[in-house]
Protein backbone atom coordinates (compact mmCIF):
# COMPACT_ATOMS: atom_id res chain seq x y z
CA UNK A 1 0.00 0.00 0.00
CA UNK A 2 1.27 3.46 -0.95
CA UNK A 3 0.69 6.01 1.80
CA UNK A 4 0.99 9.78 1.29
CA UNK A 5 1.76 10.18 5.01
CA UNK A 6 3.30 7.70 7.41
CA UNK A 7 4.02 8.65 11.01
CA UNK A 8 5.78 5.73 12.68
CA UNK A 9 6.36 5.31 16.45
CA UNK A 10 6.09 9.04 17.12
CA UNK A 11 6.93 10.02 20.70
CA UNK A 12 6.49 13.59 21.91
CA UNK A 13 7.06 14.64 25.51
CA UNK A 14 6.37 17.82 27.45
CA UNK A 15 7.49 18.44 31.05
CA UNK A 16 5.70 15.84 33.19
CA UNK A 17 3.64 14.36 30.36
CA UNK A 18 4.01 12.04 27.34
CA UNK A 19 1.64 13.57 24.77
CA UNK A 20 2.33 11.00 22.02
CA UNK A 21 3.50 7.55 23.09
CA UNK A 22 4.79 5.64 20.01
CA UNK A 23 1.80 6.51 17.80
CA UNK A 24 1.41 5.29 14.20
CA UNK A 25 -0.68 7.05 11.55
CA UNK A 26 -0.90 6.01 7.90
CA UNK A 27 -2.91 8.08 5.43
CA UNK A 28 -3.80 6.88 1.93
CA UNK A 29 -3.89 9.17 -1.10
CA UNK A 30 -7.33 10.61 -1.83
CA UNK A 31 -8.93 9.67 1.51
CA UNK A 32 -10.47 11.67 4.34
CA UNK A 33 -8.84 10.21 7.45
CA UNK A 34 -10.24 11.09 10.89
CA UNK A 35 -8.04 11.52 13.93
CA UNK A 36 -10.28 10.91 16.94
CA UNK A 37 -9.58 11.16 20.66
CA UNK A 38 -10.57 12.77 23.94
CA UNK A 39 -9.39 16.23 24.96
CA UNK A 40 -5.71 15.96 25.79
CA UNK A 41 -5.38 12.59 23.99
CA UNK A 42 -2.58 14.03 21.82
CA UNK A 43 -4.32 14.59 18.44
CA UNK A 44 -3.31 18.21 17.91
CA UNK A 45 0.21 17.47 19.22
CA UNK A 46 0.61 14.71 16.61
CA UNK A 47 -0.54 17.04 13.82
CA UNK A 48 1.73 19.83 15.08
CA UNK A 49 4.61 17.34 14.75
CA UNK A 50 3.54 16.61 11.16
CA UNK A 51 3.28 20.34 10.39
CA UNK A 52 6.72 21.09 11.88
CA UNK A 53 5.55 23.12 14.88
CA UNK A 54 6.96 20.48 17.28
CA UNK A 55 9.94 18.16 16.99
CA UNK A 56 9.37 14.57 18.21
CA UNK A 57 11.71 12.82 20.64
CA UNK A 58 11.48 9.63 18.57
CA UNK A 59 9.93 8.16 15.45
CA UNK A 60 10.00 8.90 11.76
CA UNK A 61 7.80 10.59 9.18
CA UNK A 62 7.51 9.53 5.56
CA UNK A 63 5.83 11.63 2.87
CA UNK A 64 4.98 9.68 -0.30
CA UNK A 65 7.30 6.86 0.87
CA UNK A 66 10.36 9.06 1.50
CA UNK A 67 11.69 9.70 5.00
CA UNK A 68 11.63 13.45 5.81
CA UNK A 69 12.65 15.80 8.65
CA UNK A 70 9.99 18.50 9.06
CA UNK A 71 11.81 21.17 11.06
CA UNK A 72 9.27 23.97 10.60
CA UNK A 73 5.98 24.78 8.78
CA UNK A 74 7.84 26.09 5.70
CA UNK A 75 9.35 22.62 5.22
CA UNK A 76 5.84 21.15 5.62
CA UNK A 77 4.48 23.56 2.99
CA UNK A 78 7.33 22.59 0.67
CA UNK A 79 6.26 18.94 1.04
CA UNK A 80 2.68 19.83 0.13
CA UNK A 81 1.30 19.72 3.70
CA UNK A 82 -1.08 22.52 4.77
CA UNK A 83 -2.89 23.05 8.07
CA UNK A 84 -6.21 24.81 8.66
CA UNK A 85 -5.99 25.78 12.34
CA UNK A 86 -8.94 25.79 14.74
CA UNK A 87 -8.23 29.45 15.60
CA UNK A 88 -7.95 31.30 12.29
CA UNK A 89 -4.74 33.18 11.50
CA UNK A 90 -6.15 36.07 9.47
CA UNK A 91 -5.60 39.85 9.42
CA UNK A 92 -9.03 41.48 9.91
CA UNK A 93 -8.28 44.67 8.00
CA UNK A 94 -6.82 42.89 4.94
CA UNK A 95 -8.86 41.61 2.02
CA UNK A 96 -9.39 37.91 1.31
CA UNK A 97 -6.69 38.03 -1.40
CA UNK A 98 -4.17 39.91 0.76
CA UNK A 99 -4.54 37.27 3.48
CA UNK A 100 -4.21 34.35 1.07
CA UNK A 101 -1.03 35.57 -0.63
CA UNK A 102 0.63 37.01 2.51
CA UNK A 103 4.25 35.87 2.44
CA UNK A 104 3.92 34.38 -1.08
CA UNK A 105 2.87 37.48 -3.02
CA UNK A 106 3.12 37.49 -6.86
CA UNK A 107 5.41 40.39 -7.77
CA UNK A 108 5.93 42.45 -10.90
CA UNK A 109 8.86 44.85 -11.16
CA UNK A 110 9.40 44.39 -7.40
CA UNK A 111 5.88 45.38 -6.33
CA UNK A 112 2.99 43.14 -5.31
CA UNK A 113 0.66 42.47 -8.23
CA UNK A 114 -2.72 42.33 -6.48
CA UNK A 115 -4.70 42.06 -9.72
CA UNK A 116 -2.89 38.84 -10.66
CA UNK A 117 -3.34 37.55 -7.12
CA UNK A 118 -7.08 38.28 -7.15
CA UNK A 119 -7.42 36.43 -10.46
CA UNK A 120 -5.54 33.40 -9.08
CA UNK A 121 -7.67 33.39 -5.90
CA UNK A 122 -10.87 33.63 -7.98
CA UNK A 123 -9.79 30.65 -10.14
CA UNK A 124 -8.85 28.53 -7.09
CA UNK A 125 -12.11 29.46 -5.36
CA UNK A 126 -14.21 28.40 -8.37
CA UNK A 127 -12.23 25.19 -8.93
CA UNK A 128 -12.95 23.89 -5.42
CA UNK A 129 -16.44 25.34 -5.01
CA UNK A 130 -15.36 27.73 -2.25
CA UNK A 131 -17.23 30.80 -3.55
CA UNK A 132 -15.30 33.55 -1.76
CA UNK A 133 -15.10 37.19 -2.85
CA UNK A 134 -11.37 37.95 -3.38
CA UNK A 135 -11.91 41.69 -2.67
CA UNK A 136 -13.96 41.37 0.56
CA UNK A 137 -12.39 42.47 3.85
CA UNK A 138 -11.99 39.66 6.44
CA UNK A 139 -13.85 41.66 9.11
CA UNK A 140 -16.92 41.83 6.85
CA UNK A 141 -17.31 38.11 6.13
CA UNK A 142 -18.82 35.27 8.18
CA UNK A 143 -16.82 32.78 10.24
CA UNK A 144 -17.61 30.09 7.65
CA UNK A 145 -16.20 32.27 4.87
CA UNK A 146 -13.09 33.01 6.94
CA UNK A 147 -12.51 29.29 7.21
CA UNK A 148 -12.71 29.01 3.40
CA UNK A 149 -10.03 31.69 3.21
CA UNK A 150 -7.82 29.54 5.47
CA UNK A 151 -8.41 26.56 3.14
CA UNK A 152 -7.53 28.71 0.11
CA UNK A 153 -4.33 29.84 1.85
CA UNK A 154 -3.13 26.23 1.99
CA UNK A 155 -4.23 25.48 -1.59
CA UNK A 156 -2.51 28.63 -2.89
CA UNK A 157 0.74 27.29 -1.43
CA UNK A 158 0.27 24.00 -3.29
CA UNK A 159 -0.98 21.78 -0.46
CA UNK A 160 -1.81 18.20 -1.47
CA UNK A 161 -2.34 16.99 2.11
CA UNK A 162 -4.62 19.16 4.25
CA UNK A 163 -4.93 18.94 8.03
CA UNK A 164 -8.23 20.30 9.39
CA UNK A 165 -8.16 20.97 13.17
CA UNK A 166 -11.70 20.85 14.59
CA UNK A 167 -13.03 22.62 11.48
CA UNK A 168 -16.73 22.64 12.40
CA UNK A 169 -16.37 23.98 15.96
CA UNK A 170 -17.60 27.48 15.05
CA UNK A 171 -19.82 26.77 12.04
CA UNK A 172 -23.61 26.81 11.65
CA UNK A 173 -25.36 23.60 10.48
CA UNK A 174 -25.62 25.03 6.95
CA UNK A 175 -21.92 25.95 6.88
CA UNK A 176 -21.01 22.44 8.10
CA UNK A 177 -22.93 20.95 5.15
CA UNK A 178 -21.09 23.28 2.78
CA UNK A 179 -17.71 22.39 4.33
CA UNK A 180 -18.40 18.66 3.87
CA UNK A 181 -19.16 19.37 0.20
CA UNK A 182 -15.87 21.30 -0.09
CA UNK A 183 -13.96 18.36 1.44
CA UNK A 184 -15.50 16.00 -1.10
CA UNK A 185 -14.48 18.38 -3.92
CA UNK A 186 -10.89 18.49 -2.61
CA UNK A 187 -10.66 14.69 -2.52
CA UNK A 188 -12.08 14.46 -6.07
CA UNK A 189 -9.16 16.65 -7.15
CA UNK A 190 -6.72 14.13 -5.63
CA UNK A 191 -6.09 15.85 -2.28
CA UNK A 192 -5.82 13.89 0.98
CA UNK A 193 -7.38 15.20 4.20
CA UNK A 194 -6.65 14.52 7.88
CA UNK A 195 -9.60 15.62 9.98
CA UNK A 196 -9.13 16.21 13.73
CA UNK A 197 -12.60 16.11 15.27
CA UNK A 198 -14.67 15.04 18.26
CA UNK A 199 -17.89 14.90 16.27
CA UNK A 200 -18.72 11.28 15.62
CA UNK A 201 -21.65 12.01 13.30
CA UNK A 202 -19.32 13.96 11.00
CA UNK A 203 -16.79 11.10 10.93
CA UNK A 204 -19.56 8.69 9.92
CA UNK A 205 -20.75 11.10 7.23
CA UNK A 206 -17.49 12.22 5.63
CA UNK A 207 -14.51 9.99 6.53
CA UNK A 208 -13.09 6.81 4.95
CA UNK A 209 -10.96 5.64 7.88
CA UNK A 210 -10.47 6.71 11.48
CA UNK A 211 -7.43 6.44 13.76
CA UNK A 212 -8.28 6.56 17.48
CA UNK A 213 -5.88 7.93 20.13
CA UNK A 214 -6.50 7.49 23.86
CA UNK A 215 -4.30 9.07 26.56
CA UNK A 216 -1.42 9.55 24.14
CA UNK A 217 -1.48 6.03 22.71
CA UNK A 218 -2.76 4.71 19.40
CA UNK A 219 -5.78 2.43 19.92
CA UNK A 220 -6.08 1.47 16.25
CA UNK A 221 -7.46 2.39 12.84
CA UNK A 222 -10.94 1.36 11.66
CA UNK A 223 -12.81 1.54 8.36
CA UNK A 224 -15.69 3.96 8.95
CA UNK A 225 -18.07 1.87 6.80
CA UNK A 226 -17.54 -1.05 9.21
CA UNK A 227 -18.15 0.80 12.50
CA UNK A 228 -20.79 2.96 14.21
CA UNK A 229 -21.04 5.97 16.51
CA UNK A 230 -21.30 3.92 19.73
CA UNK A 231 -18.24 1.82 18.90
CA UNK A 232 -16.18 4.93 18.02
CA UNK A 233 -17.25 6.60 21.27
CA UNK A 234 -16.22 3.65 23.42
CA UNK A 235 -12.91 3.29 21.53
CA UNK A 236 -12.24 6.96 22.22
CA UNK A 237 -13.06 7.10 25.95
CA UNK A 238 -12.65 3.45 26.96
CA UNK A 239 -16.24 3.04 28.19
CA UNK A 240 -19.81 3.27 26.90
CA UNK A 241 -21.11 6.82 26.45
CA UNK A 242 -24.72 8.03 26.68
CA UNK A 243 -25.67 10.40 23.84
CA UNK A 244 -29.06 11.46 25.17
CA UNK A 245 -29.16 13.98 28.00
CA UNK A 246 -31.39 12.54 30.68
CA UNK A 247 -33.35 15.09 32.64
CA UNK A 248 -36.69 15.45 34.38
CA UNK A 249 -39.07 18.24 33.29
CA UNK A 250 -38.00 21.67 34.59
CA UNK A 251 -39.74 23.24 37.57
CA UNK A 252 -39.17 26.94 36.95
CA UNK A 253 -39.94 29.26 39.85
CA UNK A 254 -39.18 32.95 40.33
CA UNK A 255 -37.58 35.15 37.69
CA UNK A 256 -33.85 35.51 38.42
CA UNK A 257 -32.68 37.40 35.35
CA UNK A 258 -34.75 40.03 33.58
CA UNK A 259 -33.47 42.04 30.61
CA UNK A 260 -35.57 44.85 29.18
CA UNK A 261 -35.04 46.92 26.00
CA UNK A 262 -31.28 46.33 26.06
CA UNK A 263 -29.13 48.07 23.46
CA UNK A 264 -25.42 47.32 23.07
CA UNK A 265 -22.80 48.36 20.48
CA UNK A 266 -19.79 46.31 19.36
CA UNK A 267 -16.16 47.48 19.27
CA UNK A 268 -16.79 49.32 15.98
CA UNK A 269 -19.71 51.28 17.46
CA UNK A 270 -22.29 49.27 15.47
CA UNK A 271 -25.46 48.48 17.43
CA UNK A 272 -25.61 44.67 17.78
CA UNK A 273 -28.23 44.25 20.53
CA UNK A 274 -31.32 46.19 19.48
CA UNK A 275 -33.92 46.54 22.24
CA UNK A 276 -33.70 42.93 23.45
CA UNK A 277 -36.00 41.41 26.08
CA UNK A 278 -35.50 38.07 27.84
CA UNK A 279 -36.24 36.43 31.22
CA UNK A 280 -34.63 33.40 32.88
CA UNK A 281 -36.22 31.76 35.91
CA UNK A 282 -34.72 29.65 38.66
CA UNK A 283 -34.81 25.93 37.88
CA UNK A 284 -34.68 26.27 34.09
CA UNK A 285 -32.14 26.27 31.26
CA UNK A 286 -32.87 28.85 28.57
CA UNK A 287 -30.90 28.26 25.38
CA UNK A 288 -30.09 31.06 22.96
CA UNK A 289 -30.07 29.76 19.39
CA UNK A 290 -28.77 31.92 16.58
CA UNK A 291 -26.25 32.23 13.80
CA UNK A 292 -22.98 33.69 15.13
CA UNK A 293 -22.81 37.46 14.69
CA UNK A 294 -26.40 38.33 15.61
CA UNK A 295 -25.48 40.06 18.87
CA UNK A 296 -25.06 37.02 21.14
CA UNK A 297 -21.48 37.88 22.16
CA UNK A 298 -22.38 41.51 22.93
CA UNK A 299 -25.41 40.38 24.97
CA UNK A 300 -23.32 38.02 27.14
CA UNK A 301 -20.59 40.66 27.57
CA UNK A 302 -23.18 43.25 28.65
CA UNK A 303 -24.69 40.91 31.28
CA UNK A 304 -21.28 39.94 32.69
CA UNK A 305 -19.90 43.49 32.85
CA UNK A 306 -17.36 43.07 30.04
CA UNK A 307 -19.12 45.62 27.82
CA UNK A 308 -21.17 48.72 28.60
CA UNK A 309 -24.76 48.82 27.37
CA UNK A 310 -26.21 52.05 25.91
CA UNK A 311 -29.73 51.73 27.29
CA UNK A 312 -32.18 49.28 28.81
CA UNK A 313 -31.89 47.35 32.07
CA UNK A 314 -30.39 44.09 33.37
CA UNK A 315 -31.89 42.92 36.67
CA UNK A 316 -30.88 39.99 38.88
CA UNK A 317 -33.29 39.23 41.74
CA UNK A 318 -34.86 42.65 41.19
CA UNK A 319 -31.48 44.31 41.78
CA UNK A 320 -30.28 46.38 38.80
CA UNK A 321 -26.82 45.23 37.69
CA UNK A 322 -26.63 47.18 34.41
CA UNK A 323 -23.06 48.35 33.66
CA UNK A 324 -21.54 47.03 36.90
CA UNK A 325 -17.90 45.93 36.59
CA UNK A 326 -17.18 42.17 36.19
CA UNK A 327 -16.25 41.60 39.85
CA UNK A 328 -19.44 43.28 41.10
CA UNK A 329 -21.48 41.21 38.61
CA UNK A 330 -19.79 38.03 39.90
CA UNK A 331 -20.44 39.08 43.52
CA UNK A 332 -24.12 39.68 42.74
CA UNK A 333 -24.52 35.94 42.03
CA UNK A 334 -23.55 35.33 38.38
CA UNK A 335 -21.05 32.75 37.15
CA UNK A 336 -19.68 33.05 33.62
CA UNK A 337 -18.30 30.25 31.46
CA UNK A 338 -16.93 32.50 28.68
CA UNK A 339 -17.06 31.87 24.95
CA UNK A 340 -13.35 32.70 24.58
CA UNK A 341 -11.62 30.72 27.33
CA UNK A 342 -8.17 32.17 26.59
CA UNK A 343 -9.22 35.80 26.59
CA UNK A 344 -11.76 35.84 29.42
CA UNK A 345 -11.51 32.50 31.24
CA UNK A 346 -7.89 31.94 32.24
CA UNK A 347 -4.59 33.63 32.96
CA UNK A 348 -2.61 31.28 30.71
CA UNK A 349 0.77 31.85 32.37
CA UNK A 350 -0.59 31.21 35.89
CA UNK A 351 -0.59 27.66 37.30
CA UNK A 352 -3.91 25.87 36.78
CA UNK A 353 -4.28 25.74 40.60
CA UNK A 354 -4.33 29.54 40.86
CA UNK A 355 -6.73 29.78 37.91
CA UNK A 356 -9.18 27.71 39.96
CA UNK A 357 -9.64 30.58 42.46
CA UNK A 358 -9.62 33.59 40.11
CA UNK A 359 -13.13 34.54 41.26
CA UNK A 360 -12.46 34.11 44.99
CA UNK A 361 -8.71 34.49 45.70
CA UNK A 362 -9.33 37.72 47.64
CA UNK A 363 -11.73 36.08 50.13
CA UNK A 364 -11.12 33.78 53.09
CA UNK A 365 -9.87 31.01 53.29
CA UNK A 366 -7.70 31.90 50.25
CA UNK A 367 -6.63 35.30 51.50
CA UNK A 368 -6.51 37.13 54.82
CA UNK A 369 -5.73 40.84 55.19
CA UNK A 370 -4.35 40.88 51.67
CA UNK A 371 -2.00 37.90 52.17
CA UNK A 372 -2.74 34.86 50.02
CA UNK A 373 -2.87 31.41 51.61
CA UNK A 374 -1.40 29.17 48.88
CA UNK A 375 -1.84 26.00 50.94
CA UNK A 376 -5.61 26.52 50.98
CA UNK A 377 -5.66 27.65 47.33
CA UNK A 378 -3.92 24.51 46.09
CA UNK A 379 -5.95 22.24 48.38
CA UNK A 380 -9.17 23.64 46.88
CA UNK A 381 -7.71 23.48 43.35
CA UNK A 382 -6.84 19.80 43.75
CA UNK A 383 -10.39 19.00 44.91
CA UNK A 384 -11.84 20.66 41.78
CA UNK A 385 -9.22 19.05 39.50
CA UNK A 386 -10.23 15.63 40.86
CA UNK A 387 -13.99 16.28 40.73
CA UNK A 388 -13.97 17.63 37.17
CA UNK A 389 -11.34 15.19 35.83
CA UNK A 390 -9.01 17.99 34.68
CA UNK A 391 -6.06 16.10 33.20
CA UNK A 392 -2.89 17.90 34.19
CA UNK A 393 0.52 16.67 35.43
CA UNK A 394 -0.19 18.60 38.67
CA UNK A 395 -1.92 21.74 39.95
CA UNK A 396 1.29 23.79 39.45
CA UNK A 397 1.31 23.25 35.66
CA UNK A 398 0.69 26.45 33.68
CA UNK A 399 -2.84 26.69 32.27
CA UNK A 400 -1.43 27.20 28.77
CA UNK A 401 0.10 23.67 28.83
CA UNK A 402 -3.33 21.97 29.17
CA UNK A 403 -5.42 20.90 26.19
CA UNK A 404 -8.40 23.12 25.29
CA UNK A 405 -10.88 20.63 26.73
CA UNK A 406 -9.08 20.39 30.05
CA UNK A 407 -8.84 24.19 30.25
CA UNK A 408 -12.61 24.27 29.72
CA UNK A 409 -13.28 21.68 32.44
CA UNK A 410 -11.18 23.77 34.86
CA UNK A 411 -13.25 26.92 34.12
CA UNK A 412 -16.54 25.06 34.50
CA UNK A 413 -15.38 23.57 37.81
CA UNK A 414 -14.43 26.98 39.14
CA UNK A 415 -17.66 28.68 38.03
CA UNK A 416 -20.11 25.95 39.10
CA UNK A 417 -18.40 25.48 42.48
CA UNK A 418 -19.26 29.06 43.44
CA UNK A 419 -22.97 28.07 43.77
CA UNK A 420 -24.23 31.07 41.77
CA UNK A 421 -27.88 32.05 41.26
CA UNK A 422 -27.35 32.36 37.49
CA UNK A 423 -24.86 30.47 35.34
CA UNK A 424 -24.10 31.99 31.96
CA UNK A 425 -22.67 29.17 29.85
CA UNK A 426 -21.37 30.44 26.51
CA UNK A 427 -20.26 27.60 24.23
CA UNK A 428 -19.58 25.42 27.31
CA UNK A 429 -18.64 22.30 25.34
CA UNK A 430 -16.85 23.89 22.40
CA UNK A 431 -13.99 21.63 21.37
CA UNK A 432 -14.85 18.94 23.94
CA UNK A 433 -15.08 15.20 23.35
CA UNK A 434 -18.25 13.17 23.89
CA UNK A 435 -17.20 11.97 27.36
CA UNK A 436 -16.53 15.51 28.58
CA UNK A 437 -19.73 16.83 26.93
CA UNK A 438 -21.77 14.16 28.73
CA UNK A 439 -20.17 15.16 32.07
CA UNK A 440 -20.72 18.92 31.59
CA UNK A 441 -24.34 18.49 30.45
CA UNK A 442 -25.01 16.45 33.62
CA UNK A 443 -23.42 19.20 35.75
CA UNK A 444 -25.57 21.95 34.18
CA UNK A 445 -28.73 19.88 34.69
CA UNK A 446 -27.71 19.20 38.33
CA UNK A 447 -27.35 22.97 38.83
CA UNK A 448 -30.76 23.57 37.27
CA UNK A 449 -32.27 20.94 39.60
CA UNK A 450 -30.74 22.74 42.59
CA UNK A 451 -32.81 25.78 41.61
CA UNK A 452 -30.17 27.73 39.71
CA UNK A 453 -31.01 29.62 36.53
CA UNK A 454 -28.91 28.74 33.45
CA UNK A 455 -28.56 30.88 30.31
CA UNK A 456 -26.95 28.73 27.61
CA UNK A 457 -25.43 30.18 24.45
CA UNK A 458 -24.43 27.52 21.93
CA UNK A 459 -24.01 27.27 18.18
CA UNK A 460 -24.52 23.49 18.44
CA UNK A 461 -28.20 22.87 17.70
CA UNK A 462 -27.94 19.36 19.21
CA UNK A 463 -26.82 20.93 22.47
CA UNK A 464 -29.56 23.59 22.43
CA UNK A 465 -32.24 20.95 21.72
CA UNK A 466 -30.90 18.48 24.33
CA UNK A 467 -30.23 20.81 27.24
CA UNK A 468 -32.72 23.68 27.00
CA UNK A 469 -36.11 23.82 28.69
CA UNK A 470 -36.91 26.88 26.56
CA UNK A 471 -35.20 28.11 23.40
CA UNK A 472 -34.93 31.84 22.69
CA UNK A 473 -34.05 32.41 19.03
CA UNK A 474 -31.86 35.48 18.45
CA UNK A 475 -31.74 37.23 15.09
CA UNK A 476 -30.42 40.71 14.25
CA UNK A 477 -29.99 41.73 17.89
CA UNK A 478 -33.43 40.67 19.14
CA UNK A 479 -35.19 37.60 20.51
CA UNK A 480 -37.54 36.79 17.62
CA UNK A 481 -39.10 33.61 18.96
CA UNK A 482 -39.44 31.59 22.16
CA UNK A 483 -40.06 27.88 21.60
CA UNK A 484 -40.03 24.63 23.59
CA UNK A 485 -37.56 21.99 22.32
CA UNK A 486 -40.23 19.27 22.28
CA UNK A 487 -42.41 21.44 20.03
CA UNK A 488 -39.78 22.23 17.37
CA UNK A 489 -37.06 20.59 15.25
CA UNK A 490 -33.67 21.56 13.80
CA UNK A 491 -35.16 22.57 10.45
CA UNK A 492 -37.65 24.96 12.03
CA UNK A 493 -34.98 26.39 14.35
CA UNK A 494 -32.70 26.90 11.34
CA UNK A 495 -35.43 28.90 9.58
CA UNK A 496 -36.06 31.01 12.69
CA UNK A 497 -32.29 31.62 13.08
CA UNK A 498 -32.23 32.91 9.50
CA UNK A 499 -34.93 35.45 10.37
CA UNK A 500 -37.83 33.52 8.84
CA UNK A 501 -40.40 34.15 11.58
CA UNK A 502 -43.45 34.49 9.38
CA UNK A 503 -43.63 30.78 8.57
CA UNK A 504 -42.71 27.73 10.56
CA UNK A 505 -41.00 24.76 9.00
CA UNK A 506 -44.26 22.86 8.75
CA UNK A 507 -45.81 25.66 6.65
CA UNK A 508 -43.17 25.60 3.95
């Protein structure tokens, strides 16, 4: 068998942890090959070795049968390997074309020839069915379109082997369908794709083979046509996983959060929340469904004190908390699991133990008369690390060294442990594997059953449908519909999210 990529006995270590323990990966030409594993299993590390961002301690890499040393990403590009990262690497103020050719600009008489570049980008875009506007500014296009720009960047540099790192994490259901179509087009043109994902349904739909990694070790490679979702899940986590979220009917009581006529602008001064009204009661989970960019981020930031609102009111327990600073909001009884865990959830260069008390380090028993008690801090941190299964060498490891999923579990542990009245959970399971998702969903339902109010923002319709007791659909800065999950379906929600409120799915 001729493989385009062979990674043989790859070992990669970090201080206190073996991320890849003699892993093998063999990718055939023209296939879509899934790389599946829990958070922290070592998937991204393995792909960063292939892309030249990390050097392995042991093992060898072959590209098209020849042994190679990939010392940096430029070497990888030269071998026809491109990587579409989970967090896009684009310059907001540049056009699509300027981003794609950055560093590889076509020049004429020593100056960049943008017209030639735009023509080349247009041709590439049409060839692979990507449909991007070469002249559009990055800041003006959707997240899905930005991802297409990242794909075009790799194709422009001649990539034959594409690595996609969690490519559907931030996409709408429609954009996911379009991405799957794009992947099929790439394979038809002879490209090979390695897909890092946690989403088992997508593997079943789009992949030919799947290599499973568990706790840094290769578990094996299976043909997707010969397996199923349950088998993949148990290979990944080493036990059976429940996909349905079990919960009793909600028993909502008093109104905890009340928002009236709220108006909020974004960083550019554009009004994104336009006279919004919503209520959340104790003992219920209210899910906000909507396409990204309809004011959800600005709404959450206004409630949590990260952004000032222009008018309207935010009330918690009949106490007005509009435009309070984040600490005062937290003290009033709100916990926040932020959408961007790096920017708002963690101090990445602090030990994970100290991150566990970011909301309470200034109170007893963690601090007395301004002097911090590190013994108590690390004792509490270890309890939360154990309870929430945060996989870390120890509580002194820097937060930045943990995988995204383990960083997320740490934040959720810290925020839930505070016993708040209202939990704001923004994308709480983004980038998490099925085992971790199951655990976090159970935790949020437990909190609801203790009488807490939960406001859930998620771009995963499965999650909204499974967890919510009520679904508030947000479009163009307003709540346009309030539906019960048992009385709707994904198609109807999709129509409502697109602003189609006049007709329901059944009337089409």
